[in-house]
Amino acid sequence: MTFLITNFVIFVAAVLSVDWLTHIIMTRDFTNQYGWGNYNNFIKEFNKYTWSRENWTDGKSLWDRQNNCKFFASIIEFESKGMVLSSPISLWRAKKYVRKYYKETLGFSRRIKWQ
């Protein structure tokens, strides 16, 4: 039983780490400037802007084109400056926050009810 729990924990950590490493690489390679931040920095910056969605997005991407901000393809950018989140947990929390914002503020949900 301990073996299964240990393997599960390792698997979850690996999955979160791959997503986080992708975030680091994408932000570093596709922004002119970048710096490190945590979840609280992200929330503070995110709430400064008026976000909108593109018609082709899947409910996970947002833009503020007027201020050169985006949350797209593992890239977090505010005013053309990339923010690399300091831990996999911070990135997971940021993505969860954006999904909630997307659903509650923009009124978009990918799920429908068939009647």
N, C-alpha and C. Protein backbone atom coordinates (compact mmCIF):
# COMPACT_ATOMS: atom_id res chain seq x y z
N MET A 1 0.82 -1.20 0.00
CA MET A 1 0.00 0.00 0.00
C MET A 1 0.86 1.26 0.00
N THR A 2 1.92 1.25 0.80
CA THR A 2 2.83 2.38 0.85
C THR A 2 3.47 2.62 -0.51
N PHE A 3 3.77 1.54 -1.22
CA PHE A 3 4.35 1.63 -2.55
C PHE A 3 3.42 2.38 -3.50
N LEU A 4 2.12 2.06 -3.46
CA LEU A 4 1.15 2.73 -4.32
C LEU A 4 1.03 4.21 -4.00
N ILE A 5 0.99 4.54 -2.73
CA ILE A 5 0.89 5.94 -2.32
C ILE A 5 2.12 6.71 -2.76
N THR A 6 3.28 6.13 -2.56
CA THR A 6 4.53 6.78 -2.96
C THR A 6 4.57 7.01 -4.47
N ASN A 7 4.19 6.02 -5.24
CA ASN A 7 4.16 6.17 -6.69
C ASN A 7 3.14 7.20 -7.14
N PHE A 8 2.01 7.25 -6.48
CA PHE A 8 1.00 8.25 -6.81
C PHE A 8 1.53 9.66 -6.56
N VAL A 9 2.16 9.87 -5.43
CA VAL A 9 2.72 11.18 -5.09
C VAL A 9 3.79 11.57 -6.11
N ILE A 10 4.64 10.65 -6.48
CA ILE A 10 5.68 10.92 -7.47
C ILE A 10 5.06 11.25 -8.82
N PHE A 11 4.02 10.54 -9.21
CA PHE A 11 3.34 10.79 -10.48
C PHE A 11 2.73 12.19 -10.50
N VAL A 12 2.02 12.56 -9.45
CA VAL A 12 1.40 13.89 -9.38
C VAL A 12 2.46 14.99 -9.43
N ALA A 13 3.54 14.81 -8.68
CA ALA A 13 4.63 15.79 -8.68
C ALA A 13 5.25 15.92 -10.08
N ALA A 14 5.41 14.81 -10.77
CA ALA A 14 5.98 14.83 -12.11
C ALA A 14 5.08 15.57 -13.09
N VAL A 15 3.77 15.30 -13.03
CA VAL A 15 2.83 15.96 -13.92
C VAL A 15 2.83 17.47 -13.68
N LEU A 16 2.77 17.88 -12.42
CA LEU A 16 2.80 19.30 -12.11
C LEU A 16 4.12 19.94 -12.55
N SER A 17 5.21 19.24 -12.38
CA SER A 17 6.52 19.78 -12.74
C SER A 17 6.67 19.96 -14.25
N VAL A 18 6.15 19.03 -15.04
CA VAL A 18 6.24 19.16 -16.49
C VAL A 18 5.49 20.40 -16.95
N ASP A 19 4.30 20.62 -16.45
CA ASP A 19 3.52 21.81 -16.79
C ASP A 19 4.26 23.08 -16.38
N TRP A 20 4.85 23.08 -15.22
CA TRP A 20 5.58 24.24 -14.71
C TRP A 20 6.84 24.49 -15.54
N LEU A 21 7.57 23.43 -15.89
CA LEU A 21 8.77 23.60 -16.72
C LEU A 21 8.40 24.13 -18.10
N THR A 22 7.28 23.68 -18.65
CA THR A 22 6.79 24.23 -19.92
C THR A 22 6.49 25.71 -19.77
N HIS A 23 5.85 26.09 -18.67
CA HIS A 23 5.55 27.49 -18.39
C HIS A 23 6.83 28.33 -18.34
N ILE A 24 7.85 27.83 -17.66
CA ILE A 24 9.12 28.56 -17.56
C ILE A 24 9.74 28.75 -18.95
N ILE A 25 9.82 27.68 -19.72
CA ILE A 25 10.44 27.74 -21.04
C ILE A 25 9.66 28.65 -21.98
N MET A 26 8.34 28.50 -22.01
CA MET A 26 7.52 29.33 -22.91
C MET A 26 7.62 30.80 -22.55
N THR A 27 7.54 31.12 -21.27
CA THR A 27 7.61 32.52 -20.86
C THR A 27 8.99 33.10 -21.16
N ARG A 28 10.01 32.36 -20.87
CA ARG A 28 11.38 32.83 -21.12
C ARG A 28 11.64 33.03 -22.62
N ASP A 29 11.17 32.11 -23.45
CA ASP A 29 11.48 32.15 -24.87
C ASP A 29 10.58 33.08 -25.68
N PHE A 30 9.38 33.36 -25.20
CA PHE A 30 8.44 34.13 -26.01
C PHE A 30 8.06 35.48 -25.42
N THR A 31 8.84 35.98 -24.49
CA THR A 31 8.68 37.35 -23.99
C THR A 31 10.03 38.03 -24.02
N ASN A 32 10.02 39.35 -24.23
CA ASN A 32 11.28 40.10 -24.28
C ASN A 32 11.92 40.24 -22.92
N GLN A 33 11.11 40.42 -21.90
CA GLN A 33 11.58 40.54 -20.52
C GLN A 33 10.73 39.63 -19.65
N TYR A 34 11.33 39.08 -18.61
CA TYR A 34 10.55 38.26 -17.69
C TYR A 34 11.17 38.32 -16.31
N GLY A 35 10.35 38.02 -15.32
CA GLY A 35 10.81 37.96 -13.94
C GLY A 35 9.99 36.93 -13.19
N TRP A 36 10.43 36.63 -11.98
CA TRP A 36 9.78 35.61 -11.16
C TRP A 36 8.75 36.25 -10.24
N GLY A 37 7.65 35.56 -10.01
CA GLY A 37 6.63 36.03 -9.09
C GLY A 37 5.94 34.85 -8.45
N ASN A 38 5.10 35.13 -7.46
CA ASN A 38 4.34 34.07 -6.81
C ASN A 38 2.86 34.26 -7.11
N TYR A 39 2.04 33.43 -6.52
CA TYR A 39 0.60 33.48 -6.78
C TYR A 39 0.01 34.83 -6.37
N ASN A 40 0.43 35.37 -5.25
CA ASN A 40 -0.10 36.66 -4.80
C ASN A 40 0.28 37.79 -5.76
N ASN A 41 1.51 37.77 -6.29
CA ASN A 41 1.90 38.75 -7.31
C ASN A 41 1.02 38.61 -8.54
N PHE A 42 0.75 37.37 -8.93
CA PHE A 42 -0.08 37.11 -10.10
C PHE A 42 -1.47 37.71 -9.91
N ILE A 43 -2.11 37.44 -8.78
CA ILE A 43 -3.46 37.95 -8.52
C ILE A 43 -3.47 39.48 -8.54
N LYS A 44 -2.49 40.08 -7.90
CA LYS A 44 -2.39 41.55 -7.85
C LYS A 44 -2.29 42.13 -9.27
N GLU A 45 -1.43 41.56 -10.10
CA GLU A 45 -1.27 42.05 -11.47
C GLU A 45 -2.50 41.72 -12.32
N PHE A 46 -3.01 40.51 -12.21
CA PHE A 46 -4.14 40.07 -13.03
C PHE A 46 -5.35 40.98 -12.84
N ASN A 47 -5.62 41.37 -11.61
CA ASN A 47 -6.81 42.17 -11.31
C ASN A 47 -6.69 43.63 -11.73
N LYS A 48 -5.55 44.07 -12.21
CA LYS A 48 -5.37 45.44 -12.69
C LYS A 48 -5.97 45.66 -14.08
N TYR A 49 -6.24 44.59 -14.81
CA TYR A 49 -6.57 44.71 -16.22
C TYR A 49 -7.98 44.22 -16.53
N THR A 50 -8.48 44.66 -17.68
CA THR A 50 -9.77 44.22 -18.18
C THR A 50 -9.51 43.14 -19.23
N TRP A 51 -9.84 41.93 -18.88
CA TRP A 51 -9.52 40.78 -19.72
C TRP A 51 -10.67 40.43 -20.65
N SER A 52 -10.34 39.89 -21.81
CA SER A 52 -11.36 39.42 -22.75
C SER A 52 -10.88 38.11 -23.37
N ARG A 53 -11.78 37.45 -24.02
CA ARG A 53 -11.42 36.18 -24.66
C ARG A 53 -11.52 36.33 -26.17
N GLU A 54 -10.85 35.47 -26.85
CA GLU A 54 -10.96 35.38 -28.30
C GLU A 54 -11.99 34.31 -28.61
N ASN A 55 -12.66 34.43 -29.73
CA ASN A 55 -13.71 33.47 -30.08
C ASN A 55 -13.20 32.04 -30.25
N TRP A 56 -11.95 31.88 -30.59
CA TRP A 56 -11.41 30.55 -30.86
C TRP A 56 -10.80 29.88 -29.64
N THR A 57 -10.80 30.55 -28.49
CA THR A 57 -10.12 29.97 -27.33
C THR A 57 -10.99 28.93 -26.63
N ASP A 58 -10.36 28.19 -25.76
CA ASP A 58 -10.99 27.04 -25.13
C ASP A 58 -11.39 27.27 -23.67
N GLY A 59 -11.42 28.48 -23.22
CA GLY A 59 -11.79 28.75 -21.84
C GLY A 59 -10.61 28.81 -20.90
N LYS A 60 -9.41 28.82 -21.45
CA LYS A 60 -8.22 28.86 -20.60
C LYS A 60 -7.30 30.02 -20.95
N SER A 61 -7.65 30.82 -21.95
CA SER A 61 -6.78 31.89 -22.42
C SER A 61 -7.50 33.23 -22.39
N LEU A 62 -6.77 34.25 -21.98
CA LEU A 62 -7.33 35.60 -21.90
C LEU A 62 -6.32 36.61 -22.42
N TRP A 63 -6.85 37.75 -22.89
CA TRP A 63 -6.00 38.83 -23.38
C TRP A 63 -6.52 40.17 -22.90
N ASP A 64 -5.62 41.12 -22.76
CA ASP A 64 -5.92 42.54 -22.68
C ASP A 64 -5.00 43.18 -23.70
N ARG A 65 -5.45 43.22 -24.93
CA ARG A 65 -4.60 43.65 -26.05
C ARG A 65 -4.17 45.10 -25.90
N GLN A 66 -5.02 45.93 -25.32
CA GLN A 66 -4.69 47.35 -25.15
C GLN A 66 -3.44 47.53 -24.28
N ASN A 67 -3.27 46.69 -23.28
CA ASN A 67 -2.13 46.80 -22.36
C ASN A 67 -1.07 45.72 -22.60
N ASN A 68 -1.16 45.01 -23.72
CA ASN A 68 -0.20 43.94 -24.05
C ASN A 68 -0.09 42.89 -22.95
N CYS A 69 -1.23 42.38 -22.52
CA CYS A 69 -1.27 41.34 -21.49
C CYS A 69 -1.88 40.08 -22.08
N LYS A 70 -1.38 38.93 -21.63
CA LYS A 70 -2.00 37.67 -22.07
C LYS A 70 -1.75 36.57 -21.06
N PHE A 71 -2.69 35.66 -21.05
CA PHE A 71 -2.57 34.40 -20.32
C PHE A 71 -2.90 33.34 -21.35
N PHE A 72 -1.87 32.81 -21.99
CA PHE A 72 -2.08 31.96 -23.15
C PHE A 72 -0.88 31.03 -23.33
N ALA A 73 -1.14 29.76 -23.61
CA ALA A 73 -0.10 28.77 -23.94
C ALA A 73 1.03 28.75 -22.92
N SER A 74 0.68 28.70 -21.67
CA SER A 74 1.65 28.67 -20.56
C SER A 74 2.46 29.95 -20.42
N ILE A 75 2.05 31.01 -21.10
CA ILE A 75 2.73 32.30 -21.00
C ILE A 75 1.85 33.25 -20.21
N ILE A 76 2.42 33.85 -19.18
CA ILE A 76 1.74 34.89 -18.41
C ILE A 76 2.49 36.17 -18.67
N GLU A 77 1.78 37.16 -19.24
CA GLU A 77 2.45 38.39 -19.63
C GLU A 77 1.59 39.59 -19.24
N PHE A 78 2.21 40.55 -18.56
CA PHE A 78 1.56 41.80 -18.18
C PHE A 78 2.39 42.95 -18.75
N GLU A 79 1.74 43.78 -19.57
CA GLU A 79 2.41 44.92 -20.20
C GLU A 79 3.72 44.51 -20.87
N SER A 80 3.65 43.47 -21.64
CA SER A 80 4.78 42.93 -22.41
C SER A 80 5.92 42.39 -21.56
N LYS A 81 5.67 42.13 -20.29
CA LYS A 81 6.69 41.56 -19.41
C LYS A 81 6.17 40.22 -18.89
N GLY A 82 6.96 39.18 -19.09
CA GLY A 82 6.56 37.85 -18.66
C GLY A 82 6.69 37.66 -17.16
N MET A 83 5.76 36.90 -16.60
CA MET A 83 5.83 36.53 -15.19
C MET A 83 5.96 35.01 -15.11
N VAL A 84 7.08 34.56 -14.55
CA VAL A 84 7.29 33.14 -14.32
C VAL A 84 6.91 32.87 -12.87
N LEU A 85 5.94 31.99 -12.67
CA LEU A 85 5.52 31.68 -11.31
C LEU A 85 6.53 30.76 -10.64
N SER A 86 6.73 30.99 -9.36
CA SER A 86 7.85 30.40 -8.63
C SER A 86 7.71 28.93 -8.26
N SER A 87 6.52 28.35 -8.43
CA SER A 87 6.35 26.94 -8.08
C SER A 87 5.24 26.32 -8.91
N PRO A 88 5.25 25.00 -9.05
CA PRO A 88 4.16 24.33 -9.77
C PRO A 88 2.80 24.57 -9.12
N ILE A 89 2.77 24.66 -7.80
CA ILE A 89 1.50 24.91 -7.11
C ILE A 89 0.97 26.30 -7.43
N SER A 90 1.84 27.30 -7.49
CA SER A 90 1.43 28.65 -7.86
C SER A 90 0.84 28.68 -9.26
N LEU A 91 1.46 27.96 -10.19
CA LEU A 91 0.93 27.91 -11.55
C LEU A 91 -0.43 27.23 -11.58
N TRP A 92 -0.57 26.12 -10.87
CA TRP A 92 -1.85 25.42 -10.82
C TRP A 92 -2.94 26.33 -10.25
N ARG A 93 -2.62 27.06 -9.18
CA ARG A 93 -3.59 27.98 -8.57
C ARG A 93 -3.95 29.11 -9.53
N ALA A 94 -2.97 29.63 -10.26
CA ALA A 94 -3.22 30.71 -11.23
C ALA A 94 -4.15 30.22 -12.34
N LYS A 95 -3.91 29.03 -12.84
CA LYS A 95 -4.76 28.48 -13.89
C LYS A 95 -6.18 28.26 -13.38
N LYS A 96 -6.30 27.80 -12.16
CA LYS A 96 -7.62 27.60 -11.55
C LYS A 96 -8.34 28.95 -11.41
N TYR A 97 -7.61 29.98 -10.99
CA TYR A 97 -8.18 31.32 -10.84
C TYR A 97 -8.67 31.86 -12.19
N VAL A 98 -7.88 31.65 -13.23
CA VAL A 98 -8.26 32.13 -14.56
C VAL A 98 -9.50 31.40 -15.07
N ARG A 99 -9.58 30.10 -14.87
CA ARG A 99 -10.78 29.36 -15.28
C ARG A 99 -12.02 29.88 -14.56
N LYS A 100 -11.89 30.15 -13.27
CA LYS A 100 -13.01 30.68 -12.50
C LYS A 100 -13.39 32.07 -13.00
N TYR A 101 -12.41 32.93 -13.24
CA TYR A 101 -12.65 34.27 -13.77
C TYR A 101 -13.35 34.18 -15.13
N TYR A 102 -12.86 33.30 -15.97
CA TYR A 102 -13.40 33.12 -17.31
C TYR A 102 -14.88 32.76 -17.24
N LYS A 103 -15.19 31.83 -16.38
CA LYS A 103 -16.57 31.35 -16.26
C LYS A 103 -17.48 32.39 -15.62
N GLU A 104 -17.04 32.98 -14.50
CA GLU A 104 -17.90 33.89 -13.75
C GLU A 104 -17.99 35.28 -14.35
N THR A 105 -16.90 35.81 -14.84
CA THR A 105 -16.88 37.18 -15.34
C THR A 105 -17.30 37.27 -16.80
N LEU A 106 -16.79 36.39 -17.61
CA LEU A 106 -17.09 36.44 -19.04
C LEU A 106 -18.29 35.57 -19.41
N GLY A 107 -18.78 34.79 -18.46
CA GLY A 107 -19.97 33.99 -18.68
C GLY A 107 -19.80 32.90 -19.71
N PHE A 108 -18.61 32.37 -19.81
CA PHE A 108 -18.35 31.34 -20.81
C PHE A 108 -18.12 30.01 -20.13
N SER A 109 -18.84 29.02 -20.59
CA SER A 109 -18.63 27.66 -20.12
C SER A 109 -18.64 26.74 -21.32
N ARG A 110 -17.77 25.78 -21.35
CA ARG A 110 -17.73 24.84 -22.47
C ARG A 110 -18.81 23.78 -22.36
N ARG A 111 -19.38 23.64 -21.19
CA ARG A 111 -20.41 22.62 -20.98
C ARG A 111 -21.79 23.20 -21.26
N ILE A 112 -22.62 22.39 -21.86
CA ILE A 112 -24.00 22.78 -22.11
C ILE A 112 -24.92 21.74 -21.51
N LYS A 113 -26.18 22.10 -21.34
CA LYS A 113 -27.18 21.15 -20.85
C LYS A 113 -28.12 20.79 -21.99
N TRP A 114 -28.21 19.52 -22.26
CA TRP A 114 -29.14 19.04 -23.26
C TRP A 114 -30.49 18.81 -22.60
N GLN A 115 -31.52 19.23 -23.26
CA GLN A 115 -32.85 19.08 -22.67
C GLN A 115 -33.72 18.17 -23.48
